[in-house]
Amino acid sequence: MERRALLGGAIAVGLGGLGGCGRSVTPDDPPPPPSASPLPPDQLVFRIHIAPGLVPVSYQVFNVPALSIFGDGRVIRPRPERTLGDVPPELEVATVDPAAVAGFAEQAAASGLLAGIDYGSPAITDQPVTMISIAPAGPPQQISVYALADPARDAELTGLTAQQRTDRARLWALLERARALPGDAPFRDFAPDRARLVELPEPTDVGGQRLPRWPGPDPDAVLSSGTDALGGRCAELAGEVVAPLLRAARDNPTTQWRVGRVTRRLLVSPLVPEQPACG
């Protein structure tokens, strides 16, 4: 199996400054002051999730949100450097001032960038879709933007108006600001208590490699009966089974396992809080 190091941002999107409160804001502006009242601790306040373009199905199964910010100040993301291929991602978390989270959400919602803007669709195929959701004190907002990129790369794309390029640059700056919110706060390992299990129908060639025995629950007892949007049967796992199963999946150089006397392709991926397991 091919494994490649991926610097953070190739699958996860970069993030940045915002325009709000009646003025333009750049990524060099200071972070929002922690003046807003903190939001409920478990509330998902801001999330960036990248739906990949033309990639293998396994990449879609292993896809987790690029950034998730919660009311209690938790900022959860995939590790900036990780191994690509049939390997579950690892997650990390930092903690910031909950009032700073609320202040950022307030300014982001007031920027006008997360509702009612036509960001266009560049004339390029098979690119990711950036989905951004925010739930400040007011109504939740959610948008999807095709082929969002940093302004320098965005300028090379065709099929966009001048206004769309300006708006996309402002949105990119907002995402950069979100990513910078932790500042110098240290990141530490995040241990998820939920995981996604997906069985894909087609086996892959492992070149005669000895396969490990499946260490999880009986797949047929937990998997859905029909095909999920991810391309296979799907289930959500929770509780004590998650940590050892993720460790075993990372130690397995393939996604194939011996289950009884048969070989099955079973993919296990961590889930961030508030991330759906199945489509």
C-alpha atoms as a PDB file:
ATOM      1  CA  MET A   1       0.000   0.000   0.000  1.00  0.00           C
ATOM      2  CA  GLU A   2       1.330   3.399  -0.883  1.00  0.00           C
ATOM      3  CA  ARG A   3       1.715   5.826   1.985  1.00  0.00           C
ATOM      4  CA  ARG A   4       2.515   9.479   1.499  1.00  0.00           C
ATOM      5  CA  ALA A   5       3.090  12.213   4.036  1.00  0.00           C
ATOM      6  CA  LEU A   6       0.548  14.982   3.640  1.00  0.00           C
ATOM      7  CA  LEU A   7       1.248  18.425   5.004  1.00  0.00           C
ATOM      8  CA  GLY A   8      -1.821  19.819   6.739  1.00  0.00           C
ATOM      9  CA  GLY A   9      -3.986  21.639   4.241  1.00  0.00           C
ATOM     10  CA  ALA A  10      -3.861  19.327   1.217  1.00  0.00           C
ATOM     11  CA  ILE A  11      -7.097  17.696   2.312  1.00  0.00           C
ATOM     12  CA  ALA A  12      -7.952  20.098   5.106  1.00  0.00           C
ATOM     13  CA  VAL A  13      -8.543  23.603   3.845  1.00  0.00           C
ATOM     14  CA  GLY A  14      -6.543  26.594   4.998  1.00  0.00           C
ATOM     15  CA  LEU A  15      -8.533  29.231   6.922  1.00  0.00           C
ATOM     16  CA  GLY A  16      -8.261  33.174   7.495  1.00  0.00           C
ATOM     17  CA  GLY A  17      -9.495  36.879   8.351  1.00  0.00           C
ATOM     18  CA  LEU A  18     -12.988  38.239   7.957  1.00  0.00           C
ATOM     19  CA  GLY A  19     -15.040  41.197   6.906  1.00  0.00           C
ATOM     20  CA  GLY A  20     -17.579  42.216   9.494  1.00  0.00           C
ATOM     21  CA  CYS A  21     -19.114  45.013  11.533  1.00  0.00           C
ATOM     22  CA  GLY A  22     -19.223  47.277   8.464  1.00  0.00           C
ATOM     23  CA  ARG A  23     -15.531  47.158   7.561  1.00  0.00           C
ATOM     24  CA  SER A  24     -13.040  44.935   5.768  1.00  0.00           C
ATOM     25  CA  VAL A  25     -10.859  42.742   7.928  1.00  0.00           C
ATOM     26  CA  THR A  26      -7.606  41.144   6.814  1.00  0.00           C
ATOM     27  CA  PRO A  27      -5.743  38.121   8.191  1.00  0.00           C
ATOM     28  CA  ASP A  28      -3.265  40.566   9.806  1.00  0.00           C
ATOM     29  CA  ASP A  29      -5.944  42.100  12.010  1.00  0.00           C
ATOM     30  CA  PRO A  30      -5.895  41.088  15.693  1.00  0.00           C
ATOM     31  CA  PRO A  31      -8.194  38.257  16.787  1.00  0.00           C
ATOM     32  CA  PRO A  32     -11.661  39.206  18.030  1.00  0.00           C
ATOM     33  CA  PRO A  33     -11.744  40.372  21.638  1.00  0.00           C
ATOM     34  CA  PRO A  34     -13.245  37.879  24.111  1.00  0.00           C
ATOM     35  CA  SER A  35     -16.207  40.164  24.829  1.00  0.00           C
ATOM     36  CA  ALA A  36     -19.134  37.973  23.781  1.00  0.00           C
ATOM     37  CA  SER A  37     -20.890  35.702  26.263  1.00  0.00           C
ATOM     38  CA  PRO A  38     -19.746  32.085  25.983  1.00  0.00           C
ATOM     39  CA  LEU A  39     -21.992  29.682  24.090  1.00  0.00           C
ATOM     40  CA  PRO A  40     -23.224  26.291  25.391  1.00  0.00           C
ATOM     41  CA  PRO A  41     -20.160  24.071  25.990  1.00  0.00           C
ATOM     42  CA  ASP A  42     -21.101  21.234  23.623  1.00  0.00           C
ATOM     43  CA  GLN A  43     -22.445  23.479  20.866  1.00  0.00           C
ATOM     44  CA  LEU A  44     -20.721  23.087  17.504  1.00  0.00           C
ATOM     45  CA  VAL A  45     -19.995  26.735  16.770  1.00  0.00           C
ATOM     46  CA  PHE A  46     -17.940  26.647  13.564  1.00  0.00           C
ATOM     47  CA  ARG A  47     -16.945  23.849  11.200  1.00  0.00           C
ATOM     48  CA  ILE A  48     -15.096  23.468   7.910  1.00  0.00           C
ATOM     49  CA  HIS A  49     -15.618  20.158   6.149  1.00  0.00           C
ATOM     50  CA  ILE A  50     -14.074  19.417   2.761  1.00  0.00           C
ATOM     51  CA  ALA A  51     -15.890  16.999   0.484  1.00  0.00           C
ATOM     52  CA  PRO A  52     -13.043  15.668  -1.662  1.00  0.00           C
ATOM     53  CA  GLY A  53     -13.163  15.705  -5.433  1.00  0.00           C
ATOM     54  CA  LEU A  54     -12.193  12.698  -7.530  1.00  0.00           C
ATOM     55  CA  VAL A  55     -10.508  10.429  -4.971  1.00  0.00           C
ATOM     56  CA  PRO A  56     -10.705   6.732  -4.011  1.00  0.00           C
ATOM     57  CA  VAL A  57     -13.721   5.753  -1.945  1.00  0.00           C
ATOM     58  CA  SER A  58     -11.475   4.986   1.036  1.00  0.00           C
ATOM     59  CA  TYR A  59     -10.423   8.653   1.176  1.00  0.00           C
ATOM     60  CA  GLN A  60     -14.082   9.619   1.489  1.00  0.00           C
ATOM     61  CA  VAL A  61     -14.595   7.129   4.329  1.00  0.00           C
ATOM     62  CA  PHE A  62     -11.550   8.507   6.171  1.00  0.00           C
ATOM     63  CA  ASN A  63     -12.548  12.139   5.608  1.00  0.00           C
ATOM     64  CA  VAL A  64     -13.096  14.132   8.812  1.00  0.00           C
ATOM     65  CA  PRO A  65     -13.863  17.849   9.234  1.00  0.00           C
ATOM     66  CA  ALA A  66     -10.848  20.068   8.671  1.00  0.00           C
ATOM     67  CA  LEU A  67     -11.745  22.179  11.695  1.00  0.00           C
ATOM     68  CA  SER A  68     -14.412  21.981  14.404  1.00  0.00           C
ATOM     69  CA  ILE A  69     -14.793  24.662  17.086  1.00  0.00           C
ATOM     70  CA  PHE A  70     -17.054  24.147  20.100  1.00  0.00           C
ATOM     71  CA  GLY A  71     -18.609  26.468  22.641  1.00  0.00           C
ATOM     72  CA  ASP A  72     -16.341  25.319  25.470  1.00  0.00           C
ATOM     73  CA  GLY A  73     -13.254  26.357  23.468  1.00  0.00           C
ATOM     74  CA  ARG A  74     -12.281  22.966  22.009  1.00  0.00           C
ATOM     75  CA  VAL A  75     -10.714  23.206  18.549  1.00  0.00           C
ATOM     76  CA  ILE A  76     -10.484  19.768  16.901  1.00  0.00           C
ATOM     77  CA  ARG A  77      -8.697  19.005  13.655  1.00  0.00           C
ATOM     78  CA  PRO A  78      -6.835  16.170  11.892  1.00  0.00           C
ATOM     79  CA  ARG A  79      -3.110  16.117  12.528  1.00  0.00           C
ATOM     80  CA  PRO A  80      -1.456  18.599  10.126  1.00  0.00           C
ATOM     81  CA  GLU A  81       0.944  15.868   8.990  1.00  0.00           C
ATOM     82  CA  ARG A  82      -0.560  12.471   8.438  1.00  0.00           C
ATOM     83  CA  THR A  83      -0.183   9.365   6.328  1.00  0.00           C
ATOM     84  CA  LEU A  84      -2.489   9.034   3.367  1.00  0.00           C
ATOM     85  CA  GLY A  85      -3.841   5.783   2.065  1.00  0.00           C
ATOM     86  CA  ASP A  86      -5.914   3.136   3.796  1.00  0.00           C
ATOM     87  CA  VAL A  87      -5.109   4.523   7.244  1.00  0.00           C
ATOM     88  CA  PRO A  88      -7.546   6.148   9.698  1.00  0.00           C
ATOM     89  CA  PRO A  89      -6.649   9.778  10.436  1.00  0.00           C
ATOM     90  CA  GLU A  90      -5.512  10.865  13.872  1.00  0.00           C
ATOM     91  CA  LEU A  91      -7.115  13.855  15.580  1.00  0.00           C
ATOM     92  CA  GLU A  92      -5.837  16.554  17.907  1.00  0.00           C
ATOM     93  CA  VAL A  93      -7.467  19.190  20.081  1.00  0.00           C
ATOM     94  CA  ALA A  94      -6.531  22.554  21.576  1.00  0.00           C
ATOM     95  CA  THR A  95      -8.523  24.652  24.042  1.00  0.00           C
ATOM     96  CA  VAL A  96      -9.064  28.410  23.734  1.00  0.00           C
ATOM     97  CA  ASP A  97     -11.057  30.961  25.710  1.00  0.00           C
ATOM     98  CA  PRO A  98     -14.778  30.202  25.194  1.00  0.00           C
ATOM     99  CA  ALA A  99     -15.467  33.951  25.095  1.00  0.00           C
ATOM    100  CA  ALA A 100     -13.017  34.256  22.167  1.00  0.00           C
ATOM    101  CA  VAL A 101     -14.931  31.496  20.355  1.00  0.00           C
ATOM    102  CA  ALA A 102     -18.210  33.342  20.908  1.00  0.00           C
ATOM    103  CA  GLY A 103     -16.642  36.603  19.756  1.00  0.00           C
ATOM    104  CA  PHE A 104     -15.286  35.021  16.583  1.00  0.00           C
ATOM    105  CA  ALA A 105     -18.654  33.419  15.819  1.00  0.00           C
ATOM    106  CA  GLU A 106     -20.419  36.736  16.351  1.00  0.00           C
ATOM    107  CA  GLN A 107     -18.099  38.564  13.958  1.00  0.00           C
ATOM    108  CA  ALA A 108     -18.152  35.755  11.395  1.00  0.00           C
ATOM    109  CA  ALA A 109     -21.958  35.716  11.347  1.00  0.00           C
ATOM    110  CA  ALA A 110     -22.047  39.510  11.027  1.00  0.00           C
ATOM    111  CA  SER A 111     -19.574  39.485   8.122  1.00  0.00           C
ATOM    112  CA  GLY A 112     -22.304  38.500   5.667  1.00  0.00           C
ATOM    113  CA  LEU A 113     -19.999  35.918   4.093  1.00  0.00           C
ATOM    114  CA  LEU A 114     -21.971  32.884   5.234  1.00  0.00           C
ATOM    115  CA  ALA A 115     -25.354  33.606   3.665  1.00  0.00           C
ATOM    116  CA  GLY A 116     -26.732  34.965   0.411  1.00  0.00           C
ATOM    117  CA  ILE A 117     -23.481  35.258  -1.599  1.00  0.00           C
ATOM    118  CA  ASP A 118     -22.894  33.702  -5.017  1.00  0.00           C
ATOM    119  CA  TYR A 119     -19.336  32.383  -4.888  1.00  0.00           C
ATOM    120  CA  GLY A 120     -19.524  31.047  -8.435  1.00  0.00           C
ATOM    121  CA  SER A 121     -18.342  27.775  -9.900  1.00  0.00           C
ATOM    122  CA  PRO A 122     -14.907  27.865 -11.561  1.00  0.00           C
ATOM    123  CA  ALA A 123     -14.451  26.112 -14.895  1.00  0.00           C
ATOM    124  CA  ILE A 124     -12.496  23.197 -13.448  1.00  0.00           C
ATOM    125  CA  THR A 125     -13.640  19.646 -12.755  1.00  0.00           C
ATOM    126  CA  ASP A 126     -13.300  17.133  -9.913  1.00  0.00           C
ATOM    127  CA  GLN A 127     -12.376  19.679  -7.225  1.00  0.00           C
ATOM    128  CA  PRO A 128     -13.341  19.607  -3.532  1.00  0.00           C
ATOM    129  CA  VAL A 129     -16.367  21.370  -2.105  1.00  0.00           C
ATOM    130  CA  THR A 130     -15.759  23.401   1.052  1.00  0.00           C
ATOM    131  CA  MET A 131     -18.726  23.260   3.431  1.00  0.00           C
ATOM    132  CA  ILE A 132     -18.779  25.867   6.177  1.00  0.00           C
ATOM    133  CA  SER A 133     -21.298  25.896   9.003  1.00  0.00           C
ATOM    134  CA  ILE A 134     -21.668  28.309  11.899  1.00  0.00           C
ATOM    135  CA  ALA A 135     -24.030  28.340  14.868  1.00  0.00           C
ATOM    136  CA  PRO A 136     -23.547  31.565  16.831  1.00  0.00           C
ATOM    137  CA  ALA A 137     -26.125  32.934  19.260  1.00  0.00           C
ATOM    138  CA  GLY A 138     -28.378  33.626  16.268  1.00  0.00           C
ATOM    139  CA  PRO A 139     -29.730  31.294  13.543  1.00  0.00           C
ATOM    140  CA  PRO A 140     -27.299  28.683  12.138  1.00  0.00           C
ATOM    141  CA  GLN A 141     -25.803  29.384   8.718  1.00  0.00           C
ATOM    142  CA  GLN A 142     -24.283  26.963   6.216  1.00  0.00           C
ATOM    143  CA  ILE A 143     -22.751  27.363   2.763  1.00  0.00           C
ATOM    144  CA  SER A 144     -20.921  25.198   0.224  1.00  0.00           C
ATOM    145  CA  VAL A 145     -18.277  26.607  -2.117  1.00  0.00           C
ATOM    146  CA  TYR A 146     -16.795  24.695  -5.043  1.00  0.00           C
ATOM    147  CA  ALA A 147     -13.020  24.695  -5.618  1.00  0.00           C
ATOM    148  CA  LEU A 148     -12.267  27.279  -2.938  1.00  0.00           C
ATOM    149  CA  ALA A 149      -8.558  28.085  -2.926  1.00  0.00           C
ATOM    150  CA  ASP A 150      -6.147  30.713  -1.690  1.00  0.00           C
ATOM    151  CA  PRO A 151      -6.466  33.990  -3.660  1.00  0.00           C
ATOM    152  CA  ALA A 152      -3.275  33.414  -5.673  1.00  0.00           C
ATOM    153  CA  ARG A 153      -4.520  30.077  -6.998  1.00  0.00           C
ATOM    154  CA  ASP A 154      -8.088  31.337  -7.274  1.00  0.00           C
ATOM    155  CA  ALA A 155      -6.873  34.087  -9.616  1.00  0.00           C
ATOM    156  CA  GLU A 156      -5.744  31.401 -12.076  1.00  0.00           C
ATOM    157  CA  LEU A 157      -9.217  29.831 -12.318  1.00  0.00           C
ATOM    158  CA  THR A 158     -11.583  30.801 -15.100  1.00  0.00           C
ATOM    159  CA  GLY A 159     -15.350  31.203 -14.992  1.00  0.00           C
ATOM    160  CA  LEU A 160     -15.504  33.660 -12.079  1.00  0.00           C
ATOM    161  CA  THR A 161     -16.544  37.306 -12.035  1.00  0.00           C
ATOM    162  CA  ALA A 162     -14.439  39.983 -10.364  1.00  0.00           C
ATOM    163  CA  GLN A 163     -16.973  40.209  -7.519  1.00  0.00           C
ATOM    164  CA  GLN A 164     -16.910  36.443  -7.002  1.00  0.00           C
ATOM    165  CA  ARG A 165     -13.116  36.505  -6.787  1.00  0.00           C
ATOM    166  CA  THR A 166     -13.309  39.293  -4.188  1.00  0.00           C
ATOM    167  CA  ASP A 167     -15.894  37.423  -2.145  1.00  0.00           C
ATOM    168  CA  ARG A 168     -13.945  34.160  -2.332  1.00  0.00           C
ATOM    169  CA  ALA A 169     -10.802  35.943  -1.135  1.00  0.00           C
ATOM    170  CA  ARG A 170     -12.712  37.401   1.831  1.00  0.00           C
ATOM    171  CA  LEU A 171     -14.131  33.968   2.645  1.00  0.00           C
ATOM    172  CA  TRP A 172     -10.673  32.397   2.468  1.00  0.00           C
ATOM    173  CA  ALA A 173      -9.464  35.065   4.892  1.00  0.00           C
ATOM    174  CA  LEU A 174     -12.296  34.187   7.278  1.00  0.00           C
ATOM    175  CA  LEU A 175     -11.176  30.572   7.246  1.00  0.00           C
ATOM    176  CA  GLU A 176      -7.585  31.605   7.897  1.00  0.00           C
ATOM    177  CA  ARG A 177      -8.806  33.518  10.937  1.00  0.00           C
ATOM    178  CA  ALA A 178     -10.655  30.436  12.219  1.00  0.00           C
ATOM    179  CA  ARG A 179      -7.572  28.280  11.895  1.00  0.00           C
ATOM    180  CA  ALA A 180      -5.497  30.863  13.726  1.00  0.00           C
ATOM    181  CA  LEU A 181      -7.940  31.057  16.647  1.00  0.00           C
ATOM    182  CA  PRO A 182      -5.928  28.666  18.906  1.00  0.00           C
ATOM    183  CA  GLY A 183      -2.902  30.957  18.689  1.00  0.00           C
ATOM    184  CA  ASP A 184      -0.134  29.449  20.821  1.00  0.00           C
ATOM    185  CA  ALA A 185      -2.444  27.016  22.625  1.00  0.00           C
ATOM    186  CA  PRO A 186      -0.853  23.549  22.461  1.00  0.00           C
ATOM    187  CA  PHE A 187      -2.556  20.743  20.595  1.00  0.00           C
ATOM    188  CA  ARG A 188      -2.794  17.313  22.199  1.00  0.00           C
ATOM    189  CA  ASP A 189      -4.153  13.934  21.119  1.00  0.00           C
ATOM    190  CA  PHE A 190      -7.926  13.740  20.820  1.00  0.00           C
ATOM    191  CA  ALA A 191      -9.414  10.335  21.650  1.00  0.00           C
ATOM    192  CA  PRO A 192     -12.760   9.959  19.854  1.00  0.00           C
ATOM    193  CA  ASP A 193     -15.498   7.865  21.450  1.00  0.00           C
ATOM    194  CA  ARG A 194     -17.273   7.240  18.126  1.00  0.00           C
ATOM    195  CA  ALA A 195     -16.120   5.697  14.869  1.00  0.00           C
ATOM    196  CA  ARG A 196     -17.467   4.924  11.429  1.00  0.00           C
ATOM    197  CA  LEU A 197     -17.363   1.367  10.101  1.00  0.00           C
ATOM    198  CA  VAL A 198     -17.827   0.874   6.360  1.00  0.00           C
ATOM    199  CA  GLU A 199     -17.603  -2.362   4.405  1.00  0.00           C
ATOM    200  CA  LEU A 200     -16.652  -1.899   0.776  1.00  0.00           C
ATOM    201  CA  PRO A 201     -17.651  -4.676  -1.600  1.00  0.00           C
ATOM    202  CA  GLU A 202     -14.516  -4.993  -3.700  1.00  0.00           C
ATOM    203  CA  PRO A 203     -11.422  -6.676  -2.208  1.00  0.00           C
ATOM    204  CA  THR A 204      -8.019  -5.261  -3.077  1.00  0.00           C
ATOM    205  CA  ASP A 205      -4.872  -7.156  -4.019  1.00  0.00           C
ATOM    206  CA  VAL A 206      -2.617  -7.485  -0.962  1.00  0.00           C
ATOM    207  CA  GLY A 207       0.051  -9.533  -2.724  1.00  0.00           C
ATOM    208  CA  GLY A 208      -0.249 -12.663  -0.627  1.00  0.00           C
ATOM    209  CA  GLN A 209       0.150 -10.741   2.628  1.00  0.00           C
ATOM    210  CA  ARG A 210      -1.143 -12.457   5.759  1.00  0.00           C
ATOM    211  CA  LEU A 211      -4.265 -10.660   6.939  1.00  0.00           C
ATOM    212  CA  PRO A 212      -5.058  -9.997  10.611  1.00  0.00           C
ATOM    213  CA  ARG A 213      -8.228 -11.231  12.238  1.00  0.00           C
ATOM    214  CA  TRP A 214     -11.000  -8.680  12.609  1.00  0.00           C
ATOM    215  CA  PRO A 215     -10.890  -7.460  16.247  1.00  0.00           C
ATOM    216  CA  GLY A 216     -14.236  -5.665  16.309  1.00  0.00           C
ATOM    217  CA  PRO A 217     -17.887  -6.643  16.663  1.00  0.00           C
ATOM    218  CA  ASP A 218     -19.574  -8.991  14.210  1.00  0.00           C
ATOM    219  CA  PRO A 219     -19.872  -6.810  11.084  1.00  0.00           C
ATOM    220  CA  ASP A 220     -23.184  -8.364  10.073  1.00  0.00           C
ATOM    221  CA  ALA A 221     -24.652  -7.534  13.480  1.00  0.00           C
ATOM    222  CA  VAL A 222     -23.933  -3.795  13.187  1.00  0.00           C
ATOM    223  CA  LEU A 223     -23.710  -2.867   9.494  1.00  0.00           C
ATOM    224  CA  SER A 224     -26.686  -1.465   7.618  1.00  0.00           C
ATOM    225  CA  SER A 225     -28.500  -3.756   5.244  1.00  0.00           C
ATOM    226  CA  GLY A 226     -28.308  -1.379   2.281  1.00  0.00           C
ATOM    227  CA  THR A 227     -25.539   0.539   0.531  1.00  0.00           C
ATOM    228  CA  ASP A 228     -24.660   3.869   2.115  1.00  0.00           C
ATOM    229  CA  ALA A 229     -23.793   7.087   0.271  1.00  0.00           C
ATOM    230  CA  LEU A 230     -20.144   6.235   0.987  1.00  0.00           C
ATOM    231  CA  GLY A 231     -20.435   3.230  -1.313  1.00  0.00           C
ATOM    232  CA  GLY A 232     -20.834   0.372   1.124  1.00  0.00           C
ATOM    233  CA  ARG A 233     -22.635  -0.862   4.215  1.00  0.00           C
ATOM    234  CA  CYS A 234     -22.147   1.502   7.143  1.00  0.00           C
ATOM    235  CA  ALA A 235     -22.462   1.591  10.942  1.00  0.00           C
ATOM    236  CA  GLU A 236     -21.617   3.856  13.853  1.00  0.00           C
ATOM    237  CA  LEU A 237     -19.555   2.342  16.662  1.00  0.00           C
ATOM    238  CA  ALA A 238     -19.343   3.917  20.112  1.00  0.00           C
ATOM    239  CA  GLY A 239     -17.835   3.317  23.522  1.00  0.00           C
ATOM    240  CA  GLU A 240     -14.926   1.187  24.641  1.00  0.00           C
ATOM    241  CA  VAL A 241     -14.613  -0.677  21.348  1.00  0.00           C
ATOM    242  CA  VAL A 242     -13.528   2.471  19.451  1.00  0.00           C
ATOM    243  CA  ALA A 243      -9.964   3.063  20.758  1.00  0.00           C
ATOM    244  CA  PRO A 244      -8.614  -0.499  20.341  1.00  0.00           C
ATOM    245  CA  LEU A 245     -10.303  -0.878  16.967  1.00  0.00           C
ATOM    246  CA  LEU A 246      -8.722   2.331  15.655  1.00  0.00           C
ATOM    247  CA  ARG A 247      -5.313   1.183  16.911  1.00  0.00           C
ATOM    248  CA  ALA A 248      -5.722  -2.142  15.131  1.00  0.00           C
ATOM    249  CA  ALA A 249      -6.824  -0.421  11.924  1.00  0.00           C
ATOM    250  CA  ARG A 250      -3.750   1.820  11.963  1.00  0.00           C
ATOM    251  CA  ASP A 251      -1.526  -1.229  12.473  1.00  0.00           C
ATOM    252  CA  ASN A 252      -3.126  -3.073   9.561  1.00  0.00           C
ATOM    253  CA  PRO A 253      -1.326  -2.088   6.310  1.00  0.00           C
ATOM    254  CA  THR A 254      -4.506  -2.846   4.354  1.00  0.00           C
ATOM    255  CA  THR A 255      -8.227  -2.475   4.955  1.00  0.00           C
ATOM    256  CA  GLN A 256      -8.803  -6.199   4.614  1.00  0.00           C
ATOM    257  CA  TRP A 257      -9.424  -8.552   7.513  1.00  0.00           C
ATOM    258  CA  ARG A 258     -10.085 -12.200   8.135  1.00  0.00           C
ATOM    259  CA  VAL A 259     -13.622 -12.569   9.456  1.00  0.00           C
ATOM    260  CA  GLY A 260     -14.218 -16.225  10.147  1.00  0.00           C
ATOM    261  CA  ARG A 261     -13.017 -17.981   7.006  1.00  0.00           C
ATOM    262  CA  VAL A 262     -13.604 -15.113   4.586  1.00  0.00           C
ATOM    263  CA  THR A 263     -11.760 -11.920   3.689  1.00  0.00           C
ATOM    264  CA  ARG A 264     -13.702  -8.682   4.025  1.00  0.00           C
ATOM    265  CA  ARG A 265     -12.762  -5.066   3.365  1.00  0.00           C
ATOM    266  CA  LEU A 266     -13.666  -3.134   6.523  1.00  0.00           C
ATOM    267  CA  LEU A 267     -12.693   0.514   7.000  1.00  0.00           C
ATOM    268  CA  VAL A 268     -12.727   2.190  10.420  1.00  0.00           C
ATOM    269  CA  SER A 269     -12.455   5.965  10.798  1.00  0.00           C
ATOM    270  CA  PRO A 270     -12.738   8.253  13.841  1.00  0.00           C
ATOM    271  CA  LEU A 271     -15.640  10.671  14.113  1.00  0.00           C
ATOM    272  CA  VAL A 272     -15.458  14.208  15.435  1.00  0.00           C
ATOM    273  CA  PRO A 273     -18.307  15.211  17.791  1.00  0.00           C
ATOM    274  CA  GLU A 274     -21.422  16.131  15.794  1.00  0.00           C
ATOM    275  CA  GLN A 275     -20.081  14.415  12.662  1.00  0.00           C
ATOM    276  CA  PRO A 276     -22.596  11.983  11.118  1.00  0.00           C
ATOM    277  CA  ALA A 277     -21.356   8.425  10.740  1.00  0.00           C
ATOM    278  CA  CYS A 278     -23.328   7.404   7.673  1.00  0.00           C
ATOM    279  CA  GLY A 279     -24.992   9.186   4.774  1.00  0.00           C
END
